[in-house]
Amino acid sequence: MKQNLALGFALLVLVIGLFNFFKYVSDFELLSDYGKGYLSGSVIFILLGGILSFLIIRKKIQTAQTPE
């Protein structure tokens, strides 16, 4: 149950980061310093969500393949 909740949180962070990234990446040259910082924060969200999702899914696969 904890893994499913953590995976849901990681995927939520990933989706939020992707949404914000694609919303503003095309206007990168027009962004202020604040906007560029917002965009770099979105990249951090994407990395964090992607890494957490990868680790949780890998752990779930490893535990499912372990014979009892």
PDB file of N, CA and C in Angstrom:
ATOM      1  N   MET A   1       0.816  -1.197   0.000  1.00  0.00           N
ATOM      2  CA  MET A   1       0.000   0.000   0.000  1.00  0.00           C
ATOM      3  C   MET A   1       0.862   1.264   0.000  1.00  0.00           C
ATOM      4  N   LYS A   2       1.944   1.239   0.781  1.00  0.00           N
ATOM      5  CA  LYS A   2       2.826   2.403   0.837  1.00  0.00           C
ATOM      6  C   LYS A   2       3.478   2.667  -0.515  1.00  0.00           C
ATOM      7  N   GLN A   3       3.847   1.585  -1.204  1.00  0.00           N
ATOM      8  CA  GLN A   3       4.494   1.758  -2.506  1.00  0.00           C
ATOM      9  C   GLN A   3       3.530   2.363  -3.515  1.00  0.00           C
ATOM     10  N   ASN A   4       2.268   1.955  -3.460  1.00  0.00           N
ATOM     11  CA  ASN A   4       1.290   2.512  -4.387  1.00  0.00           C
ATOM     12  C   ASN A   4       1.064   3.996  -4.123  1.00  0.00           C
ATOM     13  N   LEU A   5       1.020   4.371  -2.871  1.00  0.00           N
ATOM     14  CA  LEU A   5       0.847   5.777  -2.508  1.00  0.00           C
ATOM     15  C   LEU A   5       2.069   6.597  -2.930  1.00  0.00           C
ATOM     16  N   ALA A   6       3.256   6.048  -2.687  1.00  0.00           N
ATOM     17  CA  ALA A   6       4.486   6.739  -3.079  1.00  0.00           C
ATOM     18  C   ALA A   6       4.580   6.852  -4.599  1.00  0.00           C
ATOM     19  N   LEU A   7       4.167   5.801  -5.308  1.00  0.00           N
ATOM     20  CA  LEU A   7       4.187   5.845  -6.766  1.00  0.00           C
ATOM     21  C   LEU A   7       3.197   6.881  -7.288  1.00  0.00           C
ATOM     22  N   GLY A   8       2.028   6.962  -6.685  1.00  0.00           N
ATOM     23  CA  GLY A   8       1.050   7.977  -7.079  1.00  0.00           C
ATOM     24  C   GLY A   8       1.588   9.382  -6.864  1.00  0.00           C
ATOM     25  N   PHE A   9       2.253   9.603  -5.737  1.00  0.00           N
ATOM     26  CA  PHE A   9       2.848  10.905  -5.454  1.00  0.00           C
ATOM     27  C   PHE A   9       3.947  11.229  -6.469  1.00  0.00           C
ATOM     28  N   ALA A  10       4.802  10.251  -6.772  1.00  0.00           N
ATOM     29  CA  ALA A  10       5.894  10.469  -7.725  1.00  0.00           C
ATOM     30  C   ALA A  10       5.345  10.788  -9.112  1.00  0.00           C
ATOM     31  N   LEU A  11       4.311  10.085  -9.522  1.00  0.00           N
ATOM     32  CA  LEU A  11       3.721  10.351 -10.831  1.00  0.00           C
ATOM     33  C   LEU A  11       3.034  11.716 -10.873  1.00  0.00           C
ATOM     34  N   LEU A  12       2.433  12.119  -9.759  1.00  0.00           N
ATOM     35  CA  LEU A  12       1.815  13.436  -9.681  1.00  0.00           C
ATOM     36  C   LEU A  12       2.867  14.537  -9.827  1.00  0.00           C
ATOM     37  N   VAL A  13       3.985  14.382  -9.135  1.00  0.00           N
ATOM     38  CA  VAL A  13       5.081  15.352  -9.238  1.00  0.00           C
ATOM     39  C   VAL A  13       5.603  15.396 -10.672  1.00  0.00           C
ATOM     40  N   LEU A  14       5.726  14.233 -11.304  1.00  0.00           N
ATOM     41  CA  LEU A  14       6.201  14.171 -12.681  1.00  0.00           C
ATOM     42  C   LEU A  14       5.240  14.873 -13.637  1.00  0.00           C
ATOM     43  N   VAL A  15       3.960  14.640 -13.483  1.00  0.00           N
ATOM     44  CA  VAL A  15       2.961  15.265 -14.366  1.00  0.00           C
ATOM     45  C   VAL A  15       2.927  16.778 -14.173  1.00  0.00           C
ATOM     46  N   ILE A  16       3.003  17.234 -12.936  1.00  0.00           N
ATOM     47  CA  ILE A  16       3.019  18.678 -12.676  1.00  0.00           C
ATOM     48  C   ILE A  16       4.252  19.312 -13.317  1.00  0.00           C
ATOM     49  N   GLY A  17       5.396  18.675 -13.159  1.00  0.00           N
ATOM     50  CA  GLY A  17       6.621  19.198 -13.768  1.00  0.00           C
ATOM     51  C   GLY A  17       6.541  19.233 -15.278  1.00  0.00           C
ATOM     52  N   LEU A  18       6.018  18.172 -15.875  1.00  0.00           N
ATOM     53  CA  LEU A  18       5.895  18.135 -17.341  1.00  0.00           C
ATOM     54  C   LEU A  18       4.923  19.194 -17.846  1.00  0.00           C
ATOM     55  N   PHE A  19       3.799  19.349 -17.157  1.00  0.00           N
ATOM     56  CA  PHE A  19       2.811  20.343 -17.570  1.00  0.00           C
ATOM     57  C   PHE A  19       3.403  21.748 -17.546  1.00  0.00           C
ATOM     58  N   ASN A  20       4.054  22.094 -16.449  1.00  0.00           N
ATOM     59  CA  ASN A  20       4.650  23.425 -16.335  1.00  0.00           C
ATOM     60  C   ASN A  20       5.804  23.616 -17.311  1.00  0.00           C
ATOM     61  N   PHE A  21       6.571  22.568 -17.554  1.00  0.00           N
ATOM     62  CA  PHE A  21       7.703  22.671 -18.469  1.00  0.00           C
ATOM     63  C   PHE A  21       7.229  22.948 -19.890  1.00  0.00           C
ATOM     64  N   PHE A  22       6.289  22.158 -20.378  1.00  0.00           N
ATOM     65  CA  PHE A  22       5.837  22.325 -21.757  1.00  0.00           C
ATOM     66  C   PHE A  22       5.012  23.595 -21.952  1.00  0.00           C
ATOM     67  N   LYS A  23       4.454  24.097 -20.861  1.00  0.00           N
ATOM     68  CA  LYS A  23       3.666  25.329 -20.960  1.00  0.00           C
ATOM     69  C   LYS A  23       4.566  26.541 -21.231  1.00  0.00           C
ATOM     70  N   TYR A  24       5.780  26.534 -20.693  1.00  0.00           N
ATOM     71  CA  TYR A  24       6.636  27.714 -20.773  1.00  0.00           C
ATOM     72  C   TYR A  24       7.914  27.531 -21.586  1.00  0.00           C
ATOM     73  N   VAL A  25       8.255  26.321 -21.998  1.00  0.00           N
ATOM     74  CA  VAL A  25       9.537  26.103 -22.671  1.00  0.00           C
ATOM     75  C   VAL A  25       9.587  26.799 -24.029  1.00  0.00           C
ATOM     76  N   SER A  26       8.473  26.936 -24.696  1.00  0.00           N
ATOM     77  CA  SER A  26       8.490  27.589 -26.010  1.00  0.00           C
ATOM     78  C   SER A  26       8.716  29.096 -25.898  1.00  0.00           C
ATOM     79  N   ASP A  27       8.477  29.670 -24.734  1.00  0.00           N
ATOM     80  CA  ASP A  27       8.662  31.105 -24.514  1.00  0.00           C
ATOM     81  C   ASP A  27       9.933  31.407 -23.718  1.00  0.00           C
ATOM     82  N   PHE A  28      10.931  30.545 -23.797  1.00  0.00           N
ATOM     83  CA  PHE A  28      12.114  30.678 -22.938  1.00  0.00           C
ATOM     84  C   PHE A  28      12.826  32.007 -23.135  1.00  0.00           C
ATOM     85  N   GLU A  29      12.945  32.483 -24.352  1.00  0.00           N
ATOM     86  CA  GLU A  29      13.650  33.740 -24.633  1.00  0.00           C
ATOM     87  C   GLU A  29      12.895  34.949 -24.081  1.00  0.00           C
ATOM     88  N   LEU A  30      11.580  34.835 -23.917  1.00  0.00           N
ATOM     89  CA  LEU A  30      10.773  35.955 -23.434  1.00  0.00           C
ATOM     90  C   LEU A  30      10.622  35.976 -21.915  1.00  0.00           C
ATOM     91  N   LEU A  31      11.043  34.915 -21.245  1.00  0.00           N
ATOM     92  CA  LEU A  31      10.838  34.812 -19.807  1.00  0.00           C
ATOM     93  C   LEU A  31      11.776  35.738 -19.033  1.00  0.00           C
ATOM     94  N   SER A  32      11.280  36.234 -17.915  1.00  0.00           N
ATOM     95  CA  SER A  32      12.127  37.014 -17.004  1.00  0.00           C
ATOM     96  C   SER A  32      12.997  36.035 -16.217  1.00  0.00           C
ATOM     97  N   ASP A  33      13.838  36.569 -15.358  1.00  0.00           N
ATOM     98  CA  ASP A  33      14.659  35.707 -14.504  1.00  0.00           C
ATOM     99  C   ASP A  33      13.777  34.844 -13.606  1.00  0.00           C
ATOM    100  N   TYR A  34      12.690  35.426 -13.126  1.00  0.00           N
ATOM    101  CA  TYR A  34      11.759  34.683 -12.296  1.00  0.00           C
ATOM    102  C   TYR A  34      11.147  33.535 -13.102  1.00  0.00           C
ATOM    103  N   GLY A  35      10.755  33.789 -14.330  1.00  0.00           N
ATOM    104  CA  GLY A  35      10.163  32.764 -15.181  1.00  0.00           C
ATOM    105  C   GLY A  35      11.147  31.661 -15.512  1.00  0.00           C
ATOM    106  N   LYS A  36      12.412  32.012 -15.737  1.00  0.00           N
ATOM    107  CA  LYS A  36      13.432  30.997 -16.005  1.00  0.00           C
ATOM    108  C   LYS A  36      13.677  30.145 -14.760  1.00  0.00           C
ATOM    109  N   GLY A  37      13.611  30.748 -13.589  1.00  0.00           N
ATOM    110  CA  GLY A  37      13.722  29.984 -12.356  1.00  0.00           C
ATOM    111  C   GLY A  37      12.544  29.042 -12.165  1.00  0.00           C
ATOM    112  N   TYR A  38      11.370  29.492 -12.548  1.00  0.00           N
ATOM    113  CA  TYR A  38      10.176  28.665 -12.484  1.00  0.00           C
ATOM    114  C   TYR A  38      10.333  27.464 -13.410  1.00  0.00           C
ATOM    115  N   LEU A  39      10.901  27.698 -14.577  1.00  0.00           N
ATOM    116  CA  LEU A  39      11.124  26.629 -15.542  1.00  0.00           C
ATOM    117  C   LEU A  39      12.169  25.641 -15.032  1.00  0.00           C
ATOM    118  N   SER A  40      13.215  26.140 -14.401  1.00  0.00           N
ATOM    119  CA  SER A  40      14.221  25.226 -13.848  1.00  0.00           C
ATOM    120  C   SER A  40      13.649  24.432 -12.674  1.00  0.00           C
ATOM    121  N   GLY A  41      12.733  25.017 -11.930  1.00  0.00           N
ATOM    122  CA  GLY A  41      12.034  24.274 -10.884  1.00  0.00           C
ATOM    123  C   GLY A  41      11.192  23.154 -11.467  1.00  0.00           C
ATOM    124  N   SER A  42      10.608  23.402 -12.627  1.00  0.00           N
ATOM    125  CA  SER A  42       9.840  22.359 -13.305  1.00  0.00           C
ATOM    126  C   SER A  42      10.747  21.207 -13.725  1.00  0.00           C
ATOM    127  N   VAL A  43      11.962  21.523 -14.166  1.00  0.00           N
ATOM    128  CA  VAL A  43      12.917  20.481 -14.537  1.00  0.00           C
ATOM    129  C   VAL A  43      13.284  19.645 -13.308  1.00  0.00           C
ATOM    130  N   ILE A  44      13.433  20.297 -12.172  1.00  0.00           N
ATOM    131  CA  ILE A  44      13.723  19.568 -10.929  1.00  0.00           C
ATOM    132  C   ILE A  44      12.561  18.644 -10.586  1.00  0.00           C
ATOM    133  N   PHE A  45      11.328  19.105 -10.754  1.00  0.00           N
ATOM    134  CA  PHE A  45      10.160  18.267 -10.508  1.00  0.00           C
ATOM    135  C   PHE A  45      10.155  17.061 -11.446  1.00  0.00           C
ATOM    136  N   ILE A  46      10.492  17.283 -12.719  1.00  0.00           N
ATOM    137  CA  ILE A  46      10.524  16.192 -13.687  1.00  0.00           C
ATOM    138  C   ILE A  46      11.570  15.153 -13.286  1.00  0.00           C
ATOM    139  N   LEU A  47      12.753  15.614 -12.926  1.00  0.00           N
ATOM    140  CA  LEU A  47      13.808  14.693 -12.517  1.00  0.00           C
ATOM    141  C   LEU A  47      13.427  13.935 -11.244  1.00  0.00           C
ATOM    142  N   LEU A  48      12.920  14.644 -10.265  1.00  0.00           N
ATOM    143  CA  LEU A  48      12.541  14.021  -9.004  1.00  0.00           C
ATOM    144  C   LEU A  48      11.432  12.992  -9.213  1.00  0.00           C
ATOM    145  N   GLY A  49      10.394  13.370  -9.934  1.00  0.00           N
ATOM    146  CA  GLY A  49       9.290  12.443 -10.197  1.00  0.00           C
ATOM    147  C   GLY A  49       9.719  11.254 -11.028  1.00  0.00           C
ATOM    148  N   GLY A  50      10.567  11.481 -12.023  1.00  0.00           N
ATOM    149  CA  GLY A  50      11.042  10.389 -12.867  1.00  0.00           C
ATOM    150  C   GLY A  50      11.911   9.405 -12.111  1.00  0.00           C
ATOM    151  N   ILE A  51      12.833   9.921 -11.322  1.00  0.00           N
ATOM    152  CA  ILE A  51      13.721   9.048 -10.550  1.00  0.00           C
ATOM    153  C   ILE A  51      12.939   8.266  -9.510  1.00  0.00           C
ATOM    154  N   LEU A  52      12.047   8.927  -8.780  1.00  0.00           N
ATOM    155  CA  LEU A  52      11.244   8.220  -7.783  1.00  0.00           C
ATOM    156  C   LEU A  52      10.363   7.158  -8.420  1.00  0.00           C
ATOM    157  N   SER A  53       9.738   7.471  -9.528  1.00  0.00           N
ATOM    158  CA  SER A  53       8.894   6.495 -10.221  1.00  0.00           C
ATOM    159  C   SER A  53       9.717   5.295 -10.664  1.00  0.00           C
ATOM    160  N   PHE A  54      10.882   5.553 -11.236  1.00  0.00           N
ATOM    161  CA  PHE A  54      11.748   4.471 -11.686  1.00  0.00           C
ATOM    162  C   PHE A  54      12.147   3.561 -10.530  1.00  0.00           C
ATOM    163  N   LEU A  55      12.567   4.157  -9.416  1.00  0.00           N
ATOM    164  CA  LEU A  55      13.010   3.355  -8.272  1.00  0.00           C
ATOM    165  C   LEU A  55      11.862   2.546  -7.662  1.00  0.00           C
ATOM    166  N   ILE A  56      10.696   3.138  -7.561  1.00  0.00           N
ATOM    167  CA  ILE A  56       9.557   2.434  -6.976  1.00  0.00           C
ATOM    168  C   ILE A  56       9.101   1.290  -7.876  1.00  0.00           C
ATOM    169  N   ILE A  57       9.033   1.529  -9.179  1.00  0.00           N
ATOM    170  CA  ILE A  57       8.616   0.476 -10.102  1.00  0.00           C
ATOM    171  C   ILE A  57       9.652  -0.644 -10.129  1.00  0.00           C
ATOM    172  N   ARG A  58      10.939  -0.294 -10.107  1.00  0.00           N
ATOM    173  CA  ARG A  58      11.979  -1.319 -10.076  1.00  0.00           C
ATOM    174  C   ARG A  58      11.876  -2.166  -8.815  1.00  0.00           C
ATOM    175  N   LYS A  59      11.611  -1.537  -7.678  1.00  0.00           N
ATOM    176  CA  LYS A  59      11.460  -2.258  -6.412  1.00  0.00           C
ATOM    177  C   LYS A  59      10.248  -3.190  -6.464  1.00  0.00           C
ATOM    178  N   LYS A  60       9.144  -2.713  -7.051  1.00  0.00           N
ATOM    179  CA  LYS A  60       7.946  -3.545  -7.160  1.00  0.00           C
ATOM    180  C   LYS A  60       8.206  -4.759  -8.048  1.00  0.00           C
ATOM    181  N   ILE A  61       8.943  -4.572  -9.130  1.00  0.00           N
ATOM    182  CA  ILE A  61       9.254  -5.689 -10.026  1.00  0.00           C
ATOM    183  C   ILE A  61      10.170  -6.692  -9.332  1.00  0.00           C
ATOM    184  N   GLN A  62      11.150  -6.218  -8.610  1.00  0.00           N
ATOM    185  CA  GLN A  62      12.081  -7.108  -7.918  1.00  0.00           C
ATOM    186  C   GLN A  62      11.376  -7.917  -6.841  1.00  0.00           C
ATOM    187  N   THR A  63      10.472  -7.286  -6.089  1.00  0.00           N
ATOM    188  CA  THR A  63       9.766  -8.008  -5.039  1.00  0.00           C
ATOM    189  C   THR A  63       8.757  -8.991  -5.618  1.00  0.00           C
ATOM    190  N   ALA A  64       8.218  -8.695  -6.809  1.00  0.00           N
ATOM    191  CA  ALA A  64       7.263  -9.614  -7.443  1.00  0.00           C
ATOM    192  C   ALA A  64       7.985 -10.834  -8.003  1.00  0.00           C
ATOM    193  N   GLN A  65       9.248 -10.715  -8.389  1.00  0.00           N
ATOM    194  CA  GLN A  65       9.985 -11.826  -8.966  1.00  0.00           C
ATOM    195  C   GLN A  65      10.666 -12.689  -7.914  1.00  0.00           C
ATOM    196  N   THR A  66      10.713 -12.232  -6.673  1.00  0.00           N
ATOM    197  CA  THR A  66      11.369 -12.974  -5.606  1.00  0.00           C
ATOM    198  C   THR A  66      10.463 -14.135  -5.173  1.00  0.00           C
ATOM    199  N   PRO A  67      10.952 -15.369  -5.280  1.00  0.00           N
ATOM    200  CA  PRO A  67      10.117 -16.502  -4.846  1.00  0.00           C
ATOM    201  C   PRO A  67       9.982 -16.530  -3.329  1.00  0.00           C
ATOM    202  N   GLU A  68       8.835 -16.934  -2.881  1.00  0.00           N
ATOM    203  CA  GLU A  68       8.601 -16.969  -1.427  1.00  0.00           C
ATOM    204  C   GLU A  68       8.803 -18.352  -0.881  1.00  0.00           C
TER     205      GLU A  68
END
